[in-house]
Amino acid sequence: FNLPKTSGLEALVIAQREAPDVPFVFVTGTIGEEIAAETIL
């Protein structure tokens, strides 16, 4: 989710545009509940 050169959410947007049928899973360190919910939403 947290990357120095991009963000996980930006990558998710790109994936939904380029490969919308491919499952996308965040594998990350500590993350808040609000952000966790945001990733699923």
PDB file of all heavy atoms in Angstrom:
ATOM      1  N   PHE A   1       0.824  -1.208   0.000  1.00  0.00           N
ATOM      2  CA  PHE A   1       0.000   0.000   0.000  1.00  0.00           C
ATOM      3  C   PHE A   1       0.860   1.261   0.000  1.00  0.00           C
ATOM      4  O   PHE A   1       0.570   2.226  -0.702  1.00  0.00           O
ATOM      5  CB  PHE A   1      -0.931   0.009   1.218  1.00  0.00           C
ATOM      6  CG  PHE A   1      -1.926   1.139   1.202  1.00  0.00           C
ATOM      7  CD1 PHE A   1      -3.110   1.024   0.482  1.00  0.00           C
ATOM      8  CD2 PHE A   1      -1.679   2.325   1.888  1.00  0.00           C
ATOM      9  CE1 PHE A   1      -4.028   2.067   0.450  1.00  0.00           C
ATOM     10  CE2 PHE A   1      -2.592   3.365   1.859  1.00  0.00           C
ATOM     11  CZ  PHE A   1      -3.766   3.240   1.138  1.00  0.00           C
ATOM     12  N   ASN A   2       1.933   1.235   0.798  1.00  0.00           N
ATOM     13  CA  ASN A   2       2.812   2.391   0.916  1.00  0.00           C
ATOM     14  C   ASN A   2       4.108   2.146   0.143  1.00  0.00           C
ATOM     15  O   ASN A   2       4.885   1.263   0.484  1.00  0.00           O
ATOM     16  CB  ASN A   2       3.136   2.665   2.392  1.00  0.00           C
ATOM     17  CG  ASN A   2       1.894   3.007   3.188  1.00  0.00           C
ATOM     18  OD1 ASN A   2       1.161   3.924   2.846  1.00  0.00           O
ATOM     19  ND2 ASN A   2       1.639   2.251   4.241  1.00  0.00           N
ATOM     20  N   LEU A   3       4.296   2.933  -0.917  1.00  0.00           N
ATOM     21  CA  LEU A   3       5.477   2.801  -1.765  1.00  0.00           C
ATOM     22  C   LEU A   3       6.105   4.172  -1.987  1.00  0.00           C
ATOM     23  O   LEU A   3       5.397   5.177  -2.073  1.00  0.00           O
ATOM     24  CB  LEU A   3       5.090   2.190  -3.110  1.00  0.00           C
ATOM     25  CG  LEU A   3       4.507   0.766  -3.051  1.00  0.00           C
ATOM     26  CD1 LEU A   3       3.472   0.574  -4.149  1.00  0.00           C
ATOM     27  CD2 LEU A   3       5.617  -0.251  -3.180  1.00  0.00           C
ATOM     28  N   PRO A   4       7.435   4.229  -2.086  1.00  0.00           N
ATOM     29  CA  PRO A   4       8.081   5.535  -2.247  1.00  0.00           C
ATOM     30  C   PRO A   4       7.845   6.187  -3.605  1.00  0.00           C
ATOM     31  O   PRO A   4       7.844   7.411  -3.720  1.00  0.00           O
ATOM     32  CB  PRO A   4       9.572   5.217  -2.045  1.00  0.00           C
ATOM     33  CG  PRO A   4       9.699   3.764  -2.364  1.00  0.00           C
ATOM     34  CD  PRO A   4       8.414   3.137  -1.927  1.00  0.00           C
ATOM     35  N   LYS A   5       7.623   5.378  -4.662  1.00  0.00           N
ATOM     36  CA  LYS A   5       7.513   5.937  -6.010  1.00  0.00           C
ATOM     37  C   LYS A   5       6.076   6.023  -6.516  1.00  0.00           C
ATOM     38  O   LYS A   5       5.811   6.618  -7.557  1.00  0.00           O
ATOM     39  CB  LYS A   5       8.340   5.102  -6.995  1.00  0.00           C
ATOM     40  CG  LYS A   5       9.829   5.079  -6.674  1.00  0.00           C
ATOM     41  CD  LYS A   5      10.591   4.214  -7.661  1.00  0.00           C
ATOM     42  CE  LYS A   5      12.063   4.147  -7.311  1.00  0.00           C
ATOM     43  NZ  LYS A   5      12.809   3.273  -8.261  1.00  0.00           N
ATOM     44  N   THR A   6       5.156   5.431  -5.805  1.00  0.00           N
ATOM     45  CA  THR A   6       3.741   5.496  -6.172  1.00  0.00           C
ATOM     46  C   THR A   6       2.928   5.095  -4.953  1.00  0.00           C
ATOM     47  O   THR A   6       3.492   4.846  -3.882  1.00  0.00           O
ATOM     48  CB  THR A   6       3.421   4.572  -7.368  1.00  0.00           C
ATOM     49  OG1 THR A   6       2.065   4.773  -7.781  1.00  0.00           O
ATOM     50  CG2 THR A   6       3.624   3.107  -7.010  1.00  0.00           C
ATOM     51  N   SER A   7       1.622   5.025  -5.083  1.00  0.00           N
ATOM     52  CA  SER A   7       0.787   4.577  -3.963  1.00  0.00           C
ATOM     53  C   SER A   7      -0.025   3.367  -4.397  1.00  0.00           C
ATOM     54  O   SER A   7      -0.276   3.171  -5.591  1.00  0.00           O
ATOM     55  CB  SER A   7      -0.152   5.697  -3.501  1.00  0.00           C
ATOM     56  OG  SER A   7      -1.232   5.850  -4.410  1.00  0.00           O
ATOM     57  N   GLY A   8      -0.431   2.585  -3.406  1.00  0.00           N
ATOM     58  CA  GLY A   8      -1.220   1.410  -3.717  1.00  0.00           C
ATOM     59  C   GLY A   8      -2.536   1.749  -4.389  1.00  0.00           C
ATOM     60  O   GLY A   8      -2.977   1.062  -5.309  1.00  0.00           O
ATOM     61  N   LEU A   9      -3.176   2.834  -3.932  1.00  0.00           N
ATOM     62  CA  LEU A   9      -4.461   3.219  -4.519  1.00  0.00           C
ATOM     63  C   LEU A   9      -4.297   3.675  -5.971  1.00  0.00           C
ATOM     64  O   LEU A   9      -5.157   3.399  -6.813  1.00  0.00           O
ATOM     65  CB  LEU A   9      -5.112   4.328  -3.686  1.00  0.00           C
ATOM     66  CG  LEU A   9      -5.706   3.881  -2.343  1.00  0.00           C
ATOM     67  CD1 LEU A   9      -6.282   5.074  -1.590  1.00  0.00           C
ATOM     68  CD2 LEU A   9      -6.775   2.813  -2.545  1.00  0.00           C
ATOM     69  N   GLU A  10      -3.181   4.362  -6.269  1.00  0.00           N
ATOM     70  CA  GLU A  10      -2.920   4.753  -7.658  1.00  0.00           C
ATOM     71  C   GLU A  10      -2.726   3.513  -8.521  1.00  0.00           C
ATOM     72  O   GLU A  10      -3.207   3.444  -9.659  1.00  0.00           O
ATOM     73  CB  GLU A  10      -1.682   5.652  -7.728  1.00  0.00           C
ATOM     74  CG  GLU A  10      -1.912   7.043  -7.169  1.00  0.00           C
ATOM     75  CD  GLU A  10      -0.632   7.864  -7.125  1.00  0.00           C
ATOM     76  OE1 GLU A  10       0.453   7.294  -7.355  1.00  0.00           O
ATOM     77  OE2 GLU A  10      -0.714   9.078  -6.863  1.00  0.00           O
ATOM     78  N   ALA A  11      -2.020   2.519  -7.988  1.00  0.00           N
ATOM     79  CA  ALA A  11      -1.810   1.267  -8.714  1.00  0.00           C
ATOM     80  C   ALA A  11      -3.135   0.551  -8.949  1.00  0.00           C
ATOM     81  O   ALA A  11      -3.361  -0.030 -10.012  1.00  0.00           O
ATOM     82  CB  ALA A  11      -0.858   0.364  -7.935  1.00  0.00           C
ATOM     83  N   LEU A  12      -4.024   0.607  -7.961  1.00  0.00           N
ATOM     84  CA  LEU A  12      -5.338  -0.026  -8.096  1.00  0.00           C
ATOM     85  C   LEU A  12      -6.135   0.621  -9.220  1.00  0.00           C
ATOM     86  O   LEU A  12      -6.794  -0.078 -10.006  1.00  0.00           O
ATOM     87  CB  LEU A  12      -6.101   0.077  -6.774  1.00  0.00           C
ATOM     88  CG  LEU A  12      -7.510  -0.499  -6.740  1.00  0.00           C
ATOM     89  CD1 LEU A  12      -7.523  -1.965  -7.120  1.00  0.00           C
ATOM     90  CD2 LEU A  12      -8.127  -0.302  -5.353  1.00  0.00           C
ATOM     91  N   VAL A  13      -6.068   1.935  -9.320  1.00  0.00           N
ATOM     92  CA  VAL A  13      -6.769   2.645 -10.400  1.00  0.00           C
ATOM     93  C   VAL A  13      -6.227   2.205 -11.767  1.00  0.00           C
ATOM     94  O   VAL A  13      -6.990   1.948 -12.701  1.00  0.00           O
ATOM     95  CB  VAL A  13      -6.614   4.173 -10.237  1.00  0.00           C
ATOM     96  CG1 VAL A  13      -7.136   4.898 -11.475  1.00  0.00           C
ATOM     97  CG2 VAL A  13      -7.361   4.650  -9.001  1.00  0.00           C
ATOM     98  N   ILE A  14      -4.907   2.104 -11.867  1.00  0.00           N
ATOM     99  CA  ILE A  14      -4.282   1.667 -13.127  1.00  0.00           C
ATOM    100  C   ILE A  14      -4.709   0.241 -13.466  1.00  0.00           C
ATOM    101  O   ILE A  14      -5.049  -0.068 -14.614  1.00  0.00           O
ATOM    102  CB  ILE A  14      -2.748   1.751 -13.030  1.00  0.00           C
ATOM    103  CG1 ILE A  14      -2.305   3.203 -12.882  1.00  0.00           C
ATOM    104  CG2 ILE A  14      -2.091   1.119 -14.255  1.00  0.00           C
ATOM    105  CD1 ILE A  14      -0.835   3.374 -12.555  1.00  0.00           C
ATOM    106  N   ALA A  15      -4.708  -0.623 -12.465  1.00  0.00           N
ATOM    107  CA  ALA A  15      -5.088  -2.023 -12.685  1.00  0.00           C
ATOM    108  C   ALA A  15      -6.535  -2.142 -13.137  1.00  0.00           C
ATOM    109  O   ALA A  15      -6.866  -2.947 -14.013  1.00  0.00           O
ATOM    110  CB  ALA A  15      -4.866  -2.834 -11.411  1.00  0.00           C
ATOM    111  N   GLN A  16      -7.406  -1.339 -12.554  1.00  0.00           N
ATOM    112  CA  GLN A  16      -8.818  -1.391 -12.939  1.00  0.00           C
ATOM    113  C   GLN A  16      -9.017  -0.902 -14.372  1.00  0.00           C
ATOM    114  O   GLN A  16      -9.938  -1.339 -15.050  1.00  0.00           O
ATOM    115  CB  GLN A  16      -9.647  -0.548 -11.963  1.00  0.00           C
ATOM    116  CG  GLN A  16      -9.772  -1.183 -10.592  1.00  0.00           C
ATOM    117  CD  GLN A  16     -10.499  -0.288  -9.599  1.00  0.00           C
ATOM    118  OE1 GLN A  16     -10.439   0.937  -9.693  1.00  0.00           O
ATOM    119  NE2 GLN A  16     -11.188  -0.894  -8.656  1.00  0.00           N
ATOM    120  N   ARG A  17      -8.143  -0.033 -14.810  1.00  0.00           N
ATOM    121  CA  ARG A  17      -8.223   0.462 -16.189  1.00  0.00           C
ATOM    122  C   ARG A  17      -7.622  -0.534 -17.184  1.00  0.00           C
ATOM    123  O   ARG A  17      -8.203  -0.801 -18.240  1.00  0.00           O
ATOM    124  CB  ARG A  17      -7.499   1.800 -16.303  1.00  0.00           C
ATOM    125  CG  ARG A  17      -7.582   2.430 -17.706  1.00  0.00           C
ATOM    126  CD  ARG A  17      -6.793   3.708 -17.799  1.00  0.00           C
ATOM    127  NE  ARG A  17      -5.361   3.477 -17.767  1.00  0.00           N
ATOM    128  CZ  ARG A  17      -4.533   4.008 -16.876  1.00  0.00           C
ATOM    129  NH1 ARG A  17      -5.003   4.812 -15.929  1.00  0.00           N
ATOM    130  NH2 ARG A  17      -3.240   3.755 -16.913  1.00  0.00           N
ATOM    131  N   GLU A  18      -6.475  -1.096 -16.839  1.00  0.00           N
ATOM    132  CA  GLU A  18      -5.742  -1.952 -17.771  1.00  0.00           C
ATOM    133  C   GLU A  18      -6.126  -3.430 -17.683  1.00  0.00           C
ATOM    134  O   GLU A  18      -6.055  -4.157 -18.680  1.00  0.00           O
ATOM    135  CB  GLU A  18      -4.224  -1.814 -17.522  1.00  0.00           C
ATOM    136  CG  GLU A  18      -3.669  -0.420 -17.729  1.00  0.00           C
ATOM    137  CD  GLU A  18      -3.708   0.018 -19.179  1.00  0.00           C
ATOM    138  OE1 GLU A  18      -3.728  -0.858 -20.065  1.00  0.00           O
ATOM    139  OE2 GLU A  18      -3.723   1.238 -19.432  1.00  0.00           O
ATOM    140  N   ALA A  19      -6.505  -3.877 -16.488  1.00  0.00           N
ATOM    141  CA  ALA A  19      -6.818  -5.306 -16.301  1.00  0.00           C
ATOM    142  C   ALA A  19      -7.925  -5.453 -15.258  1.00  0.00           C
ATOM    143  O   ALA A  19      -7.698  -5.971 -14.162  1.00  0.00           O
ATOM    144  CB  ALA A  19      -5.560  -6.064 -15.863  1.00  0.00           C
ATOM    145  N   PRO A  20      -9.135  -5.008 -15.581  1.00  0.00           N
ATOM    146  CA  PRO A  20     -10.217  -4.972 -14.595  1.00  0.00           C
ATOM    147  C   PRO A  20     -10.653  -6.331 -14.054  1.00  0.00           C
ATOM    148  O   PRO A  20     -11.241  -6.404 -12.975  1.00  0.00           O
ATOM    149  CB  PRO A  20     -11.360  -4.302 -15.368  1.00  0.00           C
ATOM    150  CG  PRO A  20     -11.050  -4.548 -16.814  1.00  0.00           C
ATOM    151  CD  PRO A  20      -9.557  -4.513 -16.904  1.00  0.00           C
ATOM    152  N   ASP A  21     -10.363  -7.412 -14.785  1.00  0.00           N
ATOM    153  CA  ASP A  21     -10.790  -8.741 -14.342  1.00  0.00           C
ATOM    154  C   ASP A  21      -9.740  -9.457 -13.494  1.00  0.00           C
ATOM    155  O   ASP A  21      -9.988 -10.569 -13.020  1.00  0.00           O
ATOM    156  CB  ASP A  21     -11.135  -9.612 -15.554  1.00  0.00           C
ATOM    157  CG  ASP A  21     -12.326  -9.071 -16.329  1.00  0.00           C
ATOM    158  OD1 ASP A  21     -13.196  -8.450 -15.704  1.00  0.00           O
ATOM    159  OD2 ASP A  21     -12.374  -9.251 -17.560  1.00  0.00           O
ATOM    160  N   VAL A  22      -8.579  -8.839 -13.313  1.00  0.00           N
ATOM    161  CA  VAL A  22      -7.494  -9.489 -12.562  1.00  0.00           C
ATOM    162  C   VAL A  22      -7.623  -9.150 -11.078  1.00  0.00           C
ATOM    163  O   VAL A  22      -7.675  -7.969 -10.708  1.00  0.00           O
ATOM    164  CB  VAL A  22      -6.118  -9.031 -13.092  1.00  0.00           C
ATOM    165  CG1 VAL A  22      -5.000  -9.638 -12.250  1.00  0.00           C
ATOM    166  CG2 VAL A  22      -5.959  -9.421 -14.556  1.00  0.00           C
ATOM    167  N   PRO A  23      -7.675 -10.162 -10.201  1.00  0.00           N
ATOM    168  CA  PRO A  23      -7.772  -9.893  -8.760  1.00  0.00           C
ATOM    169  C   PRO A  23      -6.592  -9.052  -8.267  1.00  0.00           C
ATOM    170  O   PRO A  23      -5.453  -9.276  -8.674  1.00  0.00           O
ATOM    171  CB  PRO A  23      -7.755 -11.296  -8.137  1.00  0.00           C
ATOM    172  CG  PRO A  23      -8.238 -12.198  -9.222  1.00  0.00           C
ATOM    173  CD  PRO A  23      -7.719 -11.610 -10.496  1.00  0.00           C
ATOM    174  N   PHE A  24      -6.882  -8.088  -7.400  1.00  0.00           N
ATOM    175  CA  PHE A  24      -5.872  -7.165  -6.868  1.00  0.00           C
ATOM    176  C   PHE A  24      -5.904  -7.256  -5.355  1.00  0.00           C
ATOM    177  O   PHE A  24      -6.919  -6.936  -4.725  1.00  0.00           O
ATOM    178  CB  PHE A  24      -6.181  -5.746  -7.340  1.00  0.00           C
ATOM    179  CG  PHE A  24      -5.124  -4.716  -7.026  1.00  0.00           C
ATOM    180  CD1 PHE A  24      -4.361  -4.158  -8.032  1.00  0.00           C
ATOM    181  CD2 PHE A  24      -4.912  -4.296  -5.714  1.00  0.00           C
ATOM    182  CE1 PHE A  24      -3.401  -3.189  -7.750  1.00  0.00           C
ATOM    183  CE2 PHE A  24      -3.957  -3.337  -5.413  1.00  0.00           C
ATOM    184  CZ  PHE A  24      -3.196  -2.783  -6.440  1.00  0.00           C
ATOM    185  N   VAL A  25      -4.794  -7.695  -4.756  1.00  0.00           N
ATOM    186  CA  VAL A  25      -4.724  -7.881  -3.302  1.00  0.00           C
ATOM    187  C   VAL A  25      -3.635  -6.988  -2.716  1.00  0.00           C
ATOM    188  O   VAL A  25      -2.492  -7.001  -3.179  1.00  0.00           O
ATOM    189  CB  VAL A  25      -4.418  -9.351  -2.944  1.00  0.00           C
ATOM    190  CG1 VAL A  25      -4.358  -9.522  -1.425  1.00  0.00           C
ATOM    191  CG2 VAL A  25      -5.461 -10.282  -3.548  1.00  0.00           C
ATOM    192  N   PHE A  26      -3.998  -6.213  -1.712  1.00  0.00           N
ATOM    193  CA  PHE A  26      -2.997  -5.448  -0.984  1.00  0.00           C
ATOM    194  C   PHE A  26      -2.329  -6.359   0.043  1.00  0.00           C
ATOM    195  O   PHE A  26      -3.012  -7.017   0.839  1.00  0.00           O
ATOM    196  CB  PHE A  26      -3.630  -4.251  -0.277  1.00  0.00           C
ATOM    197  CG  PHE A  26      -3.916  -3.086  -1.173  1.00  0.00           C
ATOM    198  CD1 PHE A  26      -5.218  -2.751  -1.510  1.00  0.00           C
ATOM    199  CD2 PHE A  26      -2.879  -2.321  -1.697  1.00  0.00           C
ATOM    200  CE1 PHE A  26      -5.482  -1.679  -2.347  1.00  0.00           C
ATOM    201  CE2 PHE A  26      -3.130  -1.250  -2.541  1.00  0.00           C
ATOM    202  CZ  PHE A  26      -4.430  -0.920  -2.867  1.00  0.00           C
ATOM    203  N   VAL A  27      -1.001  -6.399   0.019  1.00  0.00           N
ATOM    204  CA  VAL A  27      -0.219  -7.112   1.026  1.00  0.00           C
ATOM    205  C   VAL A  27       0.684  -6.065   1.656  1.00  0.00           C
ATOM    206  O   VAL A  27       1.671  -5.624   1.047  1.00  0.00           O
ATOM    207  CB  VAL A  27       0.618  -8.245   0.408  1.00  0.00           C
ATOM    208  CG1 VAL A  27       1.357  -9.007   1.499  1.00  0.00           C
ATOM    209  CG2 VAL A  27      -0.268  -9.194  -0.400  1.00  0.00           C
ATOM    210  N   THR A  28       0.334  -5.628   2.852  1.00  0.00           N
ATOM    211  CA  THR A  28       0.990  -4.447   3.402  1.00  0.00           C
ATOM    212  C   THR A  28       1.231  -4.591   4.899  1.00  0.00           C
ATOM    213  O   THR A  28       0.792  -5.564   5.521  1.00  0.00           O
ATOM    214  CB  THR A  28       0.127  -3.194   3.113  1.00  0.00           C
ATOM    215  OG1 THR A  28       0.845  -2.017   3.448  1.00  0.00           O
ATOM    216  CG2 THR A  28      -1.188  -3.254   3.870  1.00  0.00           C
ATOM    217  N   GLY A  29       1.954  -3.606   5.461  1.00  0.00           N
ATOM    218  CA  GLY A  29       2.221  -3.590   6.892  1.00  0.00           C
ATOM    219  C   GLY A  29       1.019  -3.053   7.642  1.00  0.00           C
ATOM    220  O   GLY A  29      -0.130  -3.201   7.209  1.00  0.00           O
ATOM    221  N   THR A  30       1.269  -2.414   8.763  1.00  0.00           N
ATOM    222  CA  THR A  30       0.192  -1.855   9.578  1.00  0.00           C
ATOM    223  C   THR A  30      -0.616  -0.846   8.773  1.00  0.00           C
ATOM    224  O   THR A  30      -0.070  -0.006   8.068  1.00  0.00           O
ATOM    225  CB  THR A  30       0.761  -1.166  10.826  1.00  0.00           C
ATOM    226  OG1 THR A  30       1.566  -2.110  11.555  1.00  0.00           O
ATOM    227  CG2 THR A  30      -0.356  -0.665  11.723  1.00  0.00           C
ATOM    228  N   ILE A  31      -1.927  -0.954   8.875  1.00  0.00           N
ATOM    229  CA  ILE A  31      -2.801  -0.069   8.114  1.00  0.00           C
ATOM    230  C   ILE A  31      -4.057   0.213   8.939  1.00  0.00           C
ATOM    231  O   ILE A  31      -4.573  -0.678   9.629  1.00  0.00           O
ATOM    232  CB  ILE A  31      -3.170  -0.708   6.752  1.00  0.00           C
ATOM    233  CG1 ILE A  31      -3.885   0.289   5.844  1.00  0.00           C
ATOM    234  CG2 ILE A  31      -3.993  -1.963   6.943  1.00  0.00           C
ATOM    235  CD1 ILE A  31      -4.060  -0.224   4.431  1.00  0.00           C
ATOM    236  N   GLY A  32      -4.520   1.438   8.898  1.00  0.00           N
ATOM    237  CA  GLY A  32      -5.691   1.819   9.689  1.00  0.00           C
ATOM    238  C   GLY A  32      -6.971   1.232   9.130  1.00  0.00           C
ATOM    239  O   GLY A  32      -7.056   0.861   7.959  1.00  0.00           O
ATOM    240  N   GLU A  33      -7.989   1.156   9.983  1.00  0.00           N
ATOM    241  CA  GLU A  33      -9.267   0.585   9.569  1.00  0.00           C
ATOM    242  C   GLU A  33      -9.919   1.390   8.444  1.00  0.00           C
ATOM    243  O   GLU A  33     -10.510   0.826   7.532  1.00  0.00           O
ATOM    244  CB  GLU A  33     -10.214   0.495  10.769  1.00  0.00           C
ATOM    245  CG  GLU A  33      -9.803  -0.540  11.807  1.00  0.00           C
ATOM    246  CD  GLU A  33     -10.812  -0.644  12.934  1.00  0.00           C
ATOM    247  OE1 GLU A  33     -11.860   0.028  12.838  1.00  0.00           O
ATOM    248  OE2 GLU A  33     -10.566  -1.398  13.892  1.00  0.00           O
ATOM    249  N   GLU A  34      -9.814   2.725   8.537  1.00  0.00           N
ATOM    250  CA  GLU A  34     -10.431   3.559   7.506  1.00  0.00           C
ATOM    251  C   GLU A  34      -9.783   3.333   6.147  1.00  0.00           C
ATOM    252  O   GLU A  34     -10.461   3.240   5.117  1.00  0.00           O
ATOM    253  CB  GLU A  34     -10.332   5.043   7.896  1.00  0.00           C
ATOM    254  CG  GLU A  34     -11.232   5.427   9.053  1.00  0.00           C
ATOM    255  CD  GLU A  34     -11.193   6.923   9.330  1.00  0.00           C
ATOM    256  OE1 GLU A  34     -10.551   7.645   8.541  1.00  0.00           O
ATOM    257  OE2 GLU A  34     -11.802   7.354  10.320  1.00  0.00           O
ATOM    258  N   ILE A  35      -8.443   3.246   6.145  1.00  0.00           N
ATOM    259  CA  ILE A  35      -7.734   3.010   4.884  1.00  0.00           C
ATOM    260  C   ILE A  35      -8.045   1.614   4.367  1.00  0.00           C
ATOM    261  O   ILE A  35      -8.224   1.407   3.161  1.00  0.00           O
ATOM    262  CB  ILE A  35      -6.210   3.187   5.072  1.00  0.00           C
ATOM    263  CG1 ILE A  35      -5.904   4.635   5.444  1.00  0.00           C
ATOM    264  CG2 ILE A  35      -5.464   2.803   3.801  1.00  0.00           C
ATOM    265  CD1 ILE A  35      -4.432   4.907   5.710  1.00  0.00           C
ATOM    266  N   ALA A  36      -8.135   0.644   5.273  1.00  0.00           N
ATOM    267  CA  ALA A  36      -8.466  -0.724   4.863  1.00  0.00           C
ATOM    268  C   ALA A  36      -9.824  -0.763   4.183  1.00  0.00           C
ATOM    269  O   ALA A  36      -9.997  -1.401   3.138  1.00  0.00           O
ATOM    270  CB  ALA A  36      -8.453  -1.642   6.089  1.00  0.00           C
ATOM    271  N   ALA A  37     -10.780  -0.058   4.774  1.00  0.00           N
ATOM    272  CA  ALA A  37     -12.118  -0.011   4.183  1.00  0.00           C
ATOM    273  C   ALA A  37     -12.080   0.697   2.836  1.00  0.00           C
ATOM    274  O   ALA A  37     -12.770   0.296   1.889  1.00  0.00           O
ATOM    275  CB  ALA A  37     -13.076   0.704   5.131  1.00  0.00           C
ATOM    276  N   GLU A  38     -11.253   1.729   2.739  1.00  0.00           N
ATOM    277  CA  GLU A  38     -11.147   2.486   1.483  1.00  0.00           C
ATOM    278  C   GLU A  38     -10.624   1.619   0.350  1.00  0.00           C
ATOM    279  O   GLU A  38     -11.082   1.721  -0.782  1.00  0.00           O
ATOM    280  CB  GLU A  38     -10.226   3.695   1.682  1.00  0.00           C
ATOM    281  CG  GLU A  38     -10.153   4.614   0.469  1.00  0.00           C
ATOM    282  CD  GLU A  38      -9.237   5.801   0.690  1.00  0.00           C
ATOM    283  OE1 GLU A  38      -8.611   5.890   1.765  1.00  0.00           O
ATOM    284  OE2 GLU A  38      -9.141   6.642  -0.226  1.00  0.00           O
ATOM    285  N   THR A  39      -9.673   0.743   0.649  1.00  0.00           N
ATOM    286  CA  THR A  39      -9.121  -0.116  -0.396  1.00  0.00           C
ATOM    287  C   THR A  39     -10.188  -1.034  -0.980  1.00  0.00           C
ATOM    288  O   THR A  39     -10.248  -1.230  -2.197  1.00  0.00           O
ATOM    289  CB  THR A  39      -7.961  -0.983   0.147  1.00  0.00           C
ATOM    290  OG1 THR A  39      -8.452  -1.878   1.154  1.00  0.00           O
ATOM    291  CG2 THR A  39      -6.854  -0.126   0.724  1.00  0.00           C
ATOM    292  N   ILE A  40     -11.037  -1.566  -0.117  1.00  0.00           N
ATOM    293  CA  ILE A  40     -12.099  -2.458  -0.591  1.00  0.00           C
ATOM    294  C   ILE A  40     -13.155  -1.677  -1.353  1.00  0.00           C
ATOM    295  O   ILE A  40     -13.632  -2.103  -2.418  1.00  0.00           O
ATOM    296  CB  ILE A  40     -12.748  -3.212   0.594  1.00  0.00           C
ATOM    297  CG1 ILE A  40     -11.694  -4.008   1.375  1.00  0.00           C
ATOM    298  CG2 ILE A  40     -13.848  -4.134   0.092  1.00  0.00           C
ATOM    299  CD1 ILE A  40     -10.929  -5.028   0.535  1.00  0.00           C
ATOM    300  N   LEU A  41     -13.506  -0.508  -0.840  1.00  0.00           N
ATOM    301  CA  LEU A  41     -14.506   0.322  -1.513  1.00  0.00           C
ATOM    302  C   LEU A  41     -14.022   0.767  -2.892  1.00  0.00           C
ATOM    303  O   LEU A  41     -14.827   0.994  -3.797  1.00  0.00           O
ATOM    304  CB  LEU A  41     -14.844   1.551  -0.664  1.00  0.00           C
ATOM    305  CG  LEU A  41     -15.655   1.290   0.613  1.00  0.00           C
ATOM    306  CD1 LEU A  41     -15.763   2.561   1.448  1.00  0.00           C
ATOM    307  CD2 LEU A  41     -17.044   0.759   0.268  1.00  0.00           C
TER     308      LEU A  41
END
